[in-house]
PDB file of all heavy atoms in Angstrom:
ATOM      1  N   ALA A   1       0.836  -1.200   0.001  1.00  0.00           N
ATOM      2  CA  ALA A   1       0.001   0.001   0.000  1.00  0.00           C
ATOM      3  C   ALA A   1       0.869   1.247   0.001  1.00  0.00           C
ATOM      4  O   ALA A   1       2.015   1.209   0.435  1.00  0.00           O
ATOM      5  CB  ALA A   1      -0.919   0.010   1.218  1.00  0.00           C
ATOM      6  N   SER A   2       0.324   2.348  -0.469  1.00  0.00           N
ATOM      7  CA  SER A   2       1.058   3.604  -0.491  1.00  0.00           C
ATOM      8  C   SER A   2       0.164   4.777  -0.124  1.00  0.00           C
ATOM      9  O   SER A   2      -1.061   4.704  -0.246  1.00  0.00           O
ATOM     10  CB  SER A   2       1.683   3.851  -1.874  1.00  0.00           C
ATOM     11  OG  SER A   2       0.680   4.078  -2.848  1.00  0.00           O
ATOM     12  N   PHE A   3       0.795   5.847   0.317  1.00  0.00           N
ATOM     13  CA  PHE A   3       0.100   7.083   0.676  1.00  0.00           C
ATOM     14  C   PHE A   3       0.892   8.232   0.075  1.00  0.00           C
ATOM     15  O   PHE A   3       2.041   8.450   0.438  1.00  0.00           O
ATOM     16  CB  PHE A   3       0.039   7.219   2.200  1.00  0.00           C
ATOM     17  CG  PHE A   3      -0.940   8.254   2.682  1.00  0.00           C
ATOM     18  CD1 PHE A   3      -1.955   7.910   3.570  1.00  0.00           C
ATOM     19  CD2 PHE A   3      -0.855   9.573   2.268  1.00  0.00           C
ATOM     20  CE1 PHE A   3      -2.859   8.860   4.023  1.00  0.00           C
ATOM     21  CE2 PHE A   3      -1.758  10.535   2.705  1.00  0.00           C
ATOM     22  CZ  PHE A   3      -2.768  10.167   3.587  1.00  0.00           C
ATOM     23  N   SER A   4       0.261   8.951  -0.848  1.00  0.00           N
ATOM     24  CA  SER A   4       0.892  10.106  -1.481  1.00  0.00           C
ATOM     25  C   SER A   4       0.538  11.357  -0.698  1.00  0.00           C
ATOM     26  O   SER A   4      -0.639  11.606  -0.416  1.00  0.00           O
ATOM     27  CB  SER A   4       0.433  10.238  -2.928  1.00  0.00           C
ATOM     28  OG  SER A   4       0.842   9.122  -3.691  1.00  0.00           O
ATOM     29  N   ARG A   5       1.545  12.142  -0.369  1.00  0.00           N
ATOM     30  CA  ARG A   5       1.323  13.324   0.453  1.00  0.00           C
ATOM     31  C   ARG A   5       0.394  14.329  -0.202  1.00  0.00           C
ATOM     32  O   ARG A   5      -0.569  14.780   0.413  1.00  0.00           O
ATOM     33  CB  ARG A   5       2.660  13.994   0.765  1.00  0.00           C
ATOM     34  CG  ARG A   5       2.519  15.248   1.612  1.00  0.00           C
ATOM     35  CD  ARG A   5       3.830  15.988   1.723  1.00  0.00           C
ATOM     36  NE  ARG A   5       3.676  17.226   2.471  1.00  0.00           N
ATOM     37  CZ  ARG A   5       4.585  18.176   2.534  1.00  0.00           C
ATOM     38  NH1 ARG A   5       5.741  18.016   1.891  1.00  0.00           N
ATOM     39  NH2 ARG A   5       4.356  19.273   3.237  1.00  0.00           N
ATOM     40  N   PHE A   6       0.686  14.666  -1.445  1.00  0.00           N
ATOM     41  CA  PHE A   6      -0.125  15.642  -2.140  1.00  0.00           C
ATOM     42  C   PHE A   6      -1.361  14.984  -2.728  1.00  0.00           C
ATOM     43  O   PHE A   6      -1.285  14.132  -3.591  1.00  0.00           O
ATOM     44  CB  PHE A   6       0.698  16.324  -3.232  1.00  0.00           C
ATOM     45  CG  PHE A   6       1.910  17.014  -2.699  1.00  0.00           C
ATOM     46  CD1 PHE A   6       3.183  16.492  -2.910  1.00  0.00           C
ATOM     47  CD2 PHE A   6       1.790  18.179  -1.962  1.00  0.00           C
ATOM     48  CE1 PHE A   6       4.295  17.122  -2.395  1.00  0.00           C
ATOM     49  CE2 PHE A   6       2.906  18.821  -1.444  1.00  0.00           C
ATOM     50  CZ  PHE A   6       4.161  18.282  -1.659  1.00  0.00           C
ATOM     51  N   GLY A   7      -2.506  15.411  -2.215  1.00  0.00           N
ATOM     52  CA  GLY A   7      -3.759  14.852  -2.670  1.00  0.00           C
ATOM     53  C   GLY A   7      -4.250  13.738  -1.773  1.00  0.00           C
ATOM     54  O   GLY A   7      -5.427  13.360  -1.827  1.00  0.00           O
ATOM     55  N   GLY A   8      -3.369  13.209  -0.942  1.00  0.00           N
ATOM     56  CA  GLY A   8      -3.754  12.142  -0.045  1.00  0.00           C
ATOM     57  C   GLY A   8      -4.190  10.868  -0.736  1.00  0.00           C
ATOM     58  O   GLY A   8      -5.014  10.113  -0.194  1.00  0.00           O
ATOM     59  N   SER A   9      -3.639  10.610  -1.900  1.00  0.00           N
ATOM     60  CA  SER A   9      -4.008   9.420  -2.660  1.00  0.00           C
ATOM     61  C   SER A   9      -3.489   8.150  -1.988  1.00  0.00           C
ATOM     62  O   SER A   9      -2.334   8.075  -1.589  1.00  0.00           O
ATOM     63  CB  SER A   9      -3.454   9.516  -4.079  1.00  0.00           C
ATOM     64  OG  SER A   9      -3.750   8.351  -4.819  1.00  0.00           O
ATOM     65  N   LYS A  10      -4.352   7.153  -1.891  1.00  0.00           N
ATOM     66  CA  LYS A  10      -3.986   5.866  -1.313  1.00  0.00           C
ATOM     67  C   LYS A  10      -4.164   4.776  -2.353  1.00  0.00           C
ATOM     68  O   LYS A  10      -5.159   4.745  -3.070  1.00  0.00           O
ATOM     69  CB  LYS A  10      -4.851   5.559  -0.096  1.00  0.00           C
ATOM     70  CG  LYS A  10      -4.723   6.566   1.035  1.00  0.00           C
ATOM     71  CD  LYS A  10      -5.669   6.229   2.169  1.00  0.00           C
ATOM     72  CE  LYS A  10      -5.572   7.246   3.282  1.00  0.00           C
ATOM     73  NZ  LYS A  10      -6.504   6.924   4.393  1.00  0.00           N
ATOM     74  N   VAL A  11      -3.194   3.885  -2.415  1.00  0.00           N
ATOM     75  CA  VAL A  11      -3.237   2.788  -3.362  1.00  0.00           C
ATOM     76  C   VAL A  11      -2.977   1.485  -2.615  1.00  0.00           C
ATOM     77  O   VAL A  11      -2.090   1.416  -1.767  1.00  0.00           O
ATOM     78  CB  VAL A  11      -2.189   2.956  -4.480  1.00  0.00           C
ATOM     79  CG1 VAL A  11      -2.231   1.764  -5.433  1.00  0.00           C
ATOM     80  CG2 VAL A  11      -2.444   4.246  -5.253  1.00  0.00           C
ATOM     81  N   TYR A  12      -3.749   0.451  -2.955  1.00  0.00           N
ATOM     82  CA  TYR A  12      -3.595  -0.838  -2.303  1.00  0.00           C
ATOM     83  C   TYR A  12      -3.386  -1.947  -3.320  1.00  0.00           C
ATOM     84  O   TYR A  12      -3.938  -1.914  -4.418  1.00  0.00           O
ATOM     85  CB  TYR A  12      -4.836  -1.179  -1.473  1.00  0.00           C
ATOM     86  CG  TYR A  12      -5.082  -0.241  -0.320  1.00  0.00           C
ATOM     87  CD1 TYR A  12      -5.922   0.860  -0.468  1.00  0.00           C
ATOM     88  CD2 TYR A  12      -4.483  -0.462   0.918  1.00  0.00           C
ATOM     89  CE1 TYR A  12      -6.151   1.724   0.591  1.00  0.00           C
ATOM     90  CE2 TYR A  12      -4.706   0.395   1.978  1.00  0.00           C
ATOM     91  CZ  TYR A  12      -5.540   1.484   1.810  1.00  0.00           C
ATOM     92  OH  TYR A  12      -5.771   2.339   2.864  1.00  0.00           O
ATOM     93  N   ALA A  13      -2.610  -2.935  -2.933  1.00  0.00           N
ATOM     94  CA  ALA A  13      -2.428  -4.103  -3.772  1.00  0.00           C
ATOM     95  C   ALA A  13      -3.735  -4.884  -3.752  1.00  0.00           C
ATOM     96  O   ALA A  13      -4.480  -4.847  -2.767  1.00  0.00           O
ATOM     97  CB  ALA A  13      -1.292  -4.969  -3.238  1.00  0.00           C
ATOM     98  N   ASP A  14      -4.012  -5.595  -4.828  1.00  0.00           N
ATOM     99  CA  ASP A  14      -5.253  -6.364  -4.908  1.00  0.00           C
ATOM    100  C   ASP A  14      -5.386  -7.364  -3.754  1.00  0.00           C
ATOM    101  O   ASP A  14      -6.489  -7.619  -3.267  1.00  0.00           O
ATOM    102  CB  ASP A  14      -5.325  -7.119  -6.233  1.00  0.00           C
ATOM    103  CG  ASP A  14      -5.497  -6.193  -7.427  1.00  0.00           C
ATOM    104  OD1 ASP A  14      -5.911  -5.033  -7.239  1.00  0.00           O
ATOM    105  OD2 ASP A  14      -5.228  -6.636  -8.560  1.00  0.00           O
ATOM    106  N   SER A  15      -4.275  -7.917  -3.334  1.00  0.00           N
ATOM    107  CA  SER A  15      -4.293  -8.934  -2.298  1.00  0.00           C
ATOM    108  C   SER A  15      -4.697  -8.423  -0.916  1.00  0.00           C
ATOM    109  O   SER A  15      -5.087  -9.214  -0.057  1.00  0.00           O
ATOM    110  CB  SER A  15      -2.919  -9.607  -2.205  1.00  0.00           C
ATOM    111  OG  SER A  15      -1.914  -8.657  -1.891  1.00  0.00           O
ATOM    112  N   VAL A  16      -4.613  -7.102  -0.705  1.00  0.00           N
ATOM    113  CA  VAL A  16      -4.934  -6.555   0.609  1.00  0.00           C
ATOM    114  C   VAL A  16      -6.073  -5.547   0.600  1.00  0.00           C
ATOM    115  O   VAL A  16      -6.539  -5.138   1.670  1.00  0.00           O
ATOM    116  CB  VAL A  16      -3.697  -5.898   1.261  1.00  0.00           C
ATOM    117  CG1 VAL A  16      -2.535  -6.869   1.287  1.00  0.00           C
ATOM    118  CG2 VAL A  16      -3.312  -4.621   0.511  1.00  0.00           C
ATOM    119  N   ARG A  17      -6.506  -5.160  -0.575  1.00  0.00           N
ATOM    120  CA  ARG A  17      -7.568  -4.168  -0.682  1.00  0.00           C
ATOM    121  C   ARG A  17      -8.827  -4.634   0.050  1.00  0.00           C
ATOM    122  O   ARG A  17      -9.274  -5.756  -0.122  1.00  0.00           O
ATOM    123  CB  ARG A  17      -7.885  -3.888  -2.151  1.00  0.00           C
ATOM    124  CG  ARG A  17      -8.865  -2.720  -2.346  1.00  0.00           C
ATOM    125  CD  ARG A  17      -9.072  -2.393  -3.831  1.00  0.00           C
ATOM    126  NE  ARG A  17      -7.833  -1.955  -4.455  1.00  0.00           N
ATOM    127  CZ  ARG A  17      -7.148  -2.676  -5.330  1.00  0.00           C
ATOM    128  NH1 ARG A  17      -7.588  -3.879  -5.687  1.00  0.00           N
ATOM    129  NH2 ARG A  17      -6.024  -2.204  -5.838  1.00  0.00           N
ATOM    130  N   GLY A  18      -9.370  -3.746   0.884  1.00  0.00           N
ATOM    131  CA  GLY A  18     -10.546  -4.091   1.652  1.00  0.00           C
ATOM    132  C   GLY A  18     -10.222  -4.633   3.022  1.00  0.00           C
ATOM    133  O   GLY A  18     -11.099  -4.693   3.891  1.00  0.00           O
ATOM    134  N   ARG A  19      -8.970  -5.026   3.241  1.00  0.00           N
ATOM    135  CA  ARG A  19      -8.558  -5.576   4.533  1.00  0.00           C
ATOM    136  C   ARG A  19      -7.547  -4.677   5.238  1.00  0.00           C
ATOM    137  O   ARG A  19      -7.567  -4.565   6.456  1.00  0.00           O
ATOM    138  CB  ARG A  19      -7.938  -6.959   4.359  1.00  0.00           C
ATOM    139  CG  ARG A  19      -8.899  -8.007   3.825  1.00  0.00           C
ATOM    140  CD  ARG A  19      -8.279  -9.398   3.891  1.00  0.00           C
ATOM    141  NE  ARG A  19      -7.069  -9.501   3.075  1.00  0.00           N
ATOM    142  CZ  ARG A  19      -5.871  -9.838   3.541  1.00  0.00           C
ATOM    143  NH1 ARG A  19      -5.709 -10.103   4.837  1.00  0.00           N
ATOM    144  NH2 ARG A  19      -4.833  -9.936   2.726  1.00  0.00           N
ATOM    145  N   PHE A  20      -6.662  -4.059   4.481  1.00  0.00           N
ATOM    146  CA  PHE A  20      -5.621  -3.209   5.048  1.00  0.00           C
ATOM    147  C   PHE A  20      -5.954  -1.734   4.842  1.00  0.00           C
ATOM    148  O   PHE A  20      -6.562  -1.354   3.843  1.00  0.00           O
ATOM    149  CB  PHE A  20      -4.270  -3.489   4.387  1.00  0.00           C
ATOM    150  CG  PHE A  20      -3.680  -4.828   4.710  1.00  0.00           C
ATOM    151  CD1 PHE A  20      -4.406  -5.809   5.360  1.00  0.00           C
ATOM    152  CD2 PHE A  20      -2.367  -5.094   4.347  1.00  0.00           C
ATOM    153  CE1 PHE A  20      -3.850  -7.040   5.652  1.00  0.00           C
ATOM    154  CE2 PHE A  20      -1.793  -6.324   4.633  1.00  0.00           C
ATOM    155  CZ  PHE A  20      -2.533  -7.301   5.286  1.00  0.00           C
ATOM    156  N   THR A  21      -5.517  -0.913   5.780  1.00  0.00           N
ATOM    157  CA  THR A  21      -5.725   0.524   5.684  1.00  0.00           C
ATOM    158  C   THR A  21      -4.434   1.255   6.025  1.00  0.00           C
ATOM    159  O   THR A  21      -3.875   1.048   7.101  1.00  0.00           O
ATOM    160  CB  THR A  21      -6.832   1.000   6.642  1.00  0.00           C
ATOM    161  OG1 THR A  21      -8.057   0.315   6.354  1.00  0.00           O
ATOM    162  CG2 THR A  21      -7.063   2.501   6.480  1.00  0.00           C
ATOM    163  N   ILE A  22      -3.973   2.095   5.124  1.00  0.00           N
ATOM    164  CA  ILE A  22      -2.766   2.864   5.354  1.00  0.00           C
ATOM    165  C   ILE A  22      -3.160   4.252   5.850  1.00  0.00           C
ATOM    166  O   ILE A  22      -4.148   4.819   5.399  1.00  0.00           O
ATOM    167  CB  ILE A  22      -1.910   2.964   4.068  1.00  0.00           C
ATOM    168  CG1 ILE A  22      -0.544   3.577   4.373  1.00  0.00           C
ATOM    169  CG2 ILE A  22      -2.631   3.759   2.980  1.00  0.00           C
ATOM    170  CD1 ILE A  22       0.441   3.480   3.199  1.00  0.00           C
ATOM    171  N   SER A  23      -2.407   4.796   6.785  1.00  0.00           N
ATOM    172  CA  SER A  23      -2.729   6.102   7.342  1.00  0.00           C
ATOM    173  C   SER A  23      -1.474   6.836   7.798  1.00  0.00           C
ATOM    174  O   SER A  23      -0.409   6.239   7.940  1.00  0.00           O
ATOM    175  CB  SER A  23      -3.705   5.967   8.513  1.00  0.00           C
ATOM    176  OG  SER A  23      -3.127   5.232   9.577  1.00  0.00           O
ATOM    177  N   ARG A  24      -1.628   8.127   8.022  1.00  0.00           N
ATOM    178  CA  ARG A  24      -0.528   8.971   8.489  1.00  0.00           C
ATOM    179  C   ARG A  24      -0.920   9.700   9.760  1.00  0.00           C
ATOM    180  O   ARG A  24      -2.058  10.127   9.922  1.00  0.00           O
ATOM    181  CB  ARG A  24      -0.171  10.025   7.434  1.00  0.00           C
ATOM    182  CG  ARG A  24       0.468   9.528   6.175  1.00  0.00           C
ATOM    183  CD  ARG A  24       0.471  10.638   5.117  1.00  0.00           C
ATOM    184  NE  ARG A  24       1.083  11.870   5.586  1.00  0.00           N
ATOM    185  CZ  ARG A  24       2.326  12.261   5.288  1.00  0.00           C
ATOM    186  NH1 ARG A  24       3.088  11.501   4.508  1.00  0.00           N
ATOM    187  NH2 ARG A  24       2.794  13.404   5.762  1.00  0.00           N
ATOM    188  N   ASP A  25       0.045   9.861  10.648  1.00  0.00           N
ATOM    189  CA  ASP A  25      -0.143  10.646  11.849  1.00  0.00           C
ATOM    190  C   ASP A  25       0.904  11.747  11.752  1.00  0.00           C
ATOM    191  O   ASP A  25       2.075  11.532  12.070  1.00  0.00           O
ATOM    192  CB  ASP A  25       0.072   9.811  13.113  1.00  0.00           C
ATOM    193  CG  ASP A  25      -0.261  10.587  14.375  1.00  0.00           C
ATOM    194  OD1 ASP A  25      -0.088  11.818  14.397  1.00  0.00           O
ATOM    195  OD2 ASP A  25      -0.699   9.959  15.360  1.00  0.00           O
ATOM    196  N   ASN A  26       0.480  12.905  11.300  1.00  0.00           N
ATOM    197  CA  ASN A  26       1.408  14.005  11.082  1.00  0.00           C
ATOM    198  C   ASN A  26       2.088  14.503  12.357  1.00  0.00           C
ATOM    199  O   ASN A  26       3.238  14.932  12.318  1.00  0.00           O
ATOM    200  CB  ASN A  26       0.687  15.165  10.402  1.00  0.00           C
ATOM    201  CG  ASN A  26       0.189  14.805   9.017  1.00  0.00           C
ATOM    202  OD1 ASN A  26       0.796  13.998   8.310  1.00  0.00           O
ATOM    203  ND2 ASN A  26      -0.925  15.410   8.613  1.00  0.00           N
ATOM    204  N   ALA A  27       1.379  14.450  13.466  1.00  0.00           N
ATOM    205  CA  ALA A  27       1.944  14.915  14.726  1.00  0.00           C
ATOM    206  C   ALA A  27       3.093  14.032  15.194  1.00  0.00           C
ATOM    207  O   ALA A  27       4.020  14.505  15.852  1.00  0.00           O
ATOM    208  CB  ALA A  27       0.865  14.975  15.798  1.00  0.00           C
ATOM    209  N   LYS A  28       3.035  12.759  14.853  1.00  0.00           N
ATOM    210  CA  LYS A  28       4.057  11.816  15.294  1.00  0.00           C
ATOM    211  C   LYS A  28       5.016  11.400  14.181  1.00  0.00           C
ATOM    212  O   LYS A  28       5.892  10.564  14.404  1.00  0.00           O
ATOM    213  CB  LYS A  28       3.397  10.570  15.874  1.00  0.00           C
ATOM    214  CG  LYS A  28       2.549  10.829  17.107  1.00  0.00           C
ATOM    215  CD  LYS A  28       1.938   9.545  17.627  1.00  0.00           C
ATOM    216  CE  LYS A  28       1.112   9.800  18.873  1.00  0.00           C
ATOM    217  NZ  LYS A  28       0.511   8.549  19.404  1.00  0.00           N
ATOM    218  N   ASN A  29       4.845  11.966  12.999  1.00  0.00           N
ATOM    219  CA  ASN A  29       5.680  11.603  11.844  1.00  0.00           C
ATOM    220  C   ASN A  29       5.692  10.084  11.665  1.00  0.00           C
ATOM    221  O   ASN A  29       6.744   9.457  11.527  1.00  0.00           O
ATOM    222  CB  ASN A  29       7.112  12.112  12.025  1.00  0.00           C
ATOM    223  CG  ASN A  29       7.198  13.618  12.035  1.00  0.00           C
ATOM    224  OD1 ASN A  29       6.359  14.308  11.449  1.00  0.00           O
ATOM    225  ND2 ASN A  29       8.220  14.147  12.692  1.00  0.00           N
ATOM    226  N   THR A  30       4.508   9.528  11.674  1.00  0.00           N
ATOM    227  CA  THR A  30       4.376   8.080  11.618  1.00  0.00           C
ATOM    228  C   THR A  30       3.419   7.613  10.524  1.00  0.00           C
ATOM    229  O   THR A  30       2.342   8.186  10.351  1.00  0.00           O
ATOM    230  CB  THR A  30       3.882   7.538  12.970  1.00  0.00           C
ATOM    231  OG1 THR A  30       4.813   7.896  13.994  1.00  0.00           O
ATOM    232  CG2 THR A  30       3.739   6.029  12.930  1.00  0.00           C
ATOM    233  N   LEU A  31       3.822   6.582   9.826  1.00  0.00           N
ATOM    234  CA  LEU A  31       2.988   5.940   8.818  1.00  0.00           C
ATOM    235  C   LEU A  31       2.562   4.607   9.412  1.00  0.00           C
ATOM    236  O   LEU A  31       3.391   3.878   9.951  1.00  0.00           O
ATOM    237  CB  LEU A  31       3.786   5.699   7.536  1.00  0.00           C
ATOM    238  CG  LEU A  31       3.022   5.037   6.386  1.00  0.00           C
ATOM    239  CD1 LEU A  31       2.089   6.055   5.731  1.00  0.00           C
ATOM    240  CD2 LEU A  31       4.006   4.479   5.357  1.00  0.00           C
ATOM    241  N   SER A  32       1.281   4.302   9.330  1.00  0.00           N
ATOM    242  CA  SER A  32       0.778   3.059   9.908  1.00  0.00           C
ATOM    243  C   SER A  32       0.031   2.220   8.886  1.00  0.00           C
ATOM    244  O   SER A  32      -0.431   2.716   7.865  1.00  0.00           O
ATOM    245  CB  SER A  32      -0.144   3.363  11.089  1.00  0.00           C
ATOM    246  OG  SER A  32       0.542   4.023  12.128  1.00  0.00           O
ATOM    247  N   LEU A  33      -0.077   0.943   9.201  1.00  0.00           N
ATOM    248  CA  LEU A  33      -0.829   0.021   8.358  1.00  0.00           C
ATOM    249  C   LEU A  33      -1.675  -0.839   9.270  1.00  0.00           C
ATOM    250  O   LEU A  33      -1.145  -1.633  10.055  1.00  0.00           O
ATOM    251  CB  LEU A  33       0.115  -0.857   7.530  1.00  0.00           C
ATOM    252  CG  LEU A  33      -0.576  -1.791   6.537  1.00  0.00           C
ATOM    253  CD1 LEU A  33      -1.204  -0.974   5.397  1.00  0.00           C
ATOM    254  CD2 LEU A  33       0.423  -2.802   5.970  1.00  0.00           C
ATOM    255  N   LEU A  34      -2.989  -0.655   9.180  1.00  0.00           N
ATOM    256  CA  LEU A  34      -3.920  -1.456   9.950  1.00  0.00           C
ATOM    257  C   LEU A  34      -4.272  -2.657   9.094  1.00  0.00           C
ATOM    258  O   LEU A  34      -4.797  -2.504   7.995  1.00  0.00           O
ATOM    259  CB  LEU A  34      -5.179  -0.651  10.287  1.00  0.00           C
ATOM    260  CG  LEU A  34      -6.353  -1.434  10.871  1.00  0.00           C
ATOM    261  CD1 LEU A  34      -5.945  -2.123  12.170  1.00  0.00           C
ATOM    262  CD2 LEU A  34      -7.536  -0.506  11.104  1.00  0.00           C
ATOM    263  N   MET A  35      -3.991  -3.836   9.597  1.00  0.00           N
ATOM    264  CA  MET A  35      -4.242  -5.062   8.867  1.00  0.00           C
ATOM    265  C   MET A  35      -5.356  -5.843   9.543  1.00  0.00           C
ATOM    266  O   MET A  35      -5.228  -6.241  10.700  1.00  0.00           O
ATOM    267  CB  MET A  35      -2.969  -5.905   8.798  1.00  0.00           C
ATOM    268  CG  MET A  35      -1.797  -5.173   8.148  1.00  0.00           C
ATOM    269  SD  MET A  35      -0.266  -6.142   8.141  1.00  0.00           S
ATOM    270  CE  MET A  35       0.182  -6.007   9.881  1.00  0.00           C
ATOM    271  N   ASN A  36      -6.443  -6.039   8.827  1.00  0.00           N
ATOM    272  CA  ASN A  36      -7.579  -6.789   9.336  1.00  0.00           C
ATOM    273  C   ASN A  36      -7.706  -8.126   8.619  1.00  0.00           C
ATOM    274  O   ASN A  36      -7.206  -8.301   7.512  1.00  0.00           O
ATOM    275  CB  ASN A  36      -8.875  -5.999   9.153  1.00  0.00           C
ATOM    276  CG  ASN A  36      -8.949  -4.767  10.023  1.00  0.00           C
ATOM    277  OD1 ASN A  36      -8.550  -4.786  11.181  1.00  0.00           O
ATOM    278  ND2 ASN A  36      -9.484  -3.679   9.459  1.00  0.00           N
TER     279      ASN A  36
END
């Protein structure tokens, strides 16, 4: 998965789409991946 800063575009691989969620926490300079 990816997260583009400008525009906030998110892209997921077919194998994880619908199950994984990518996100950013700007205050903590952290990129996360929630895997369900």
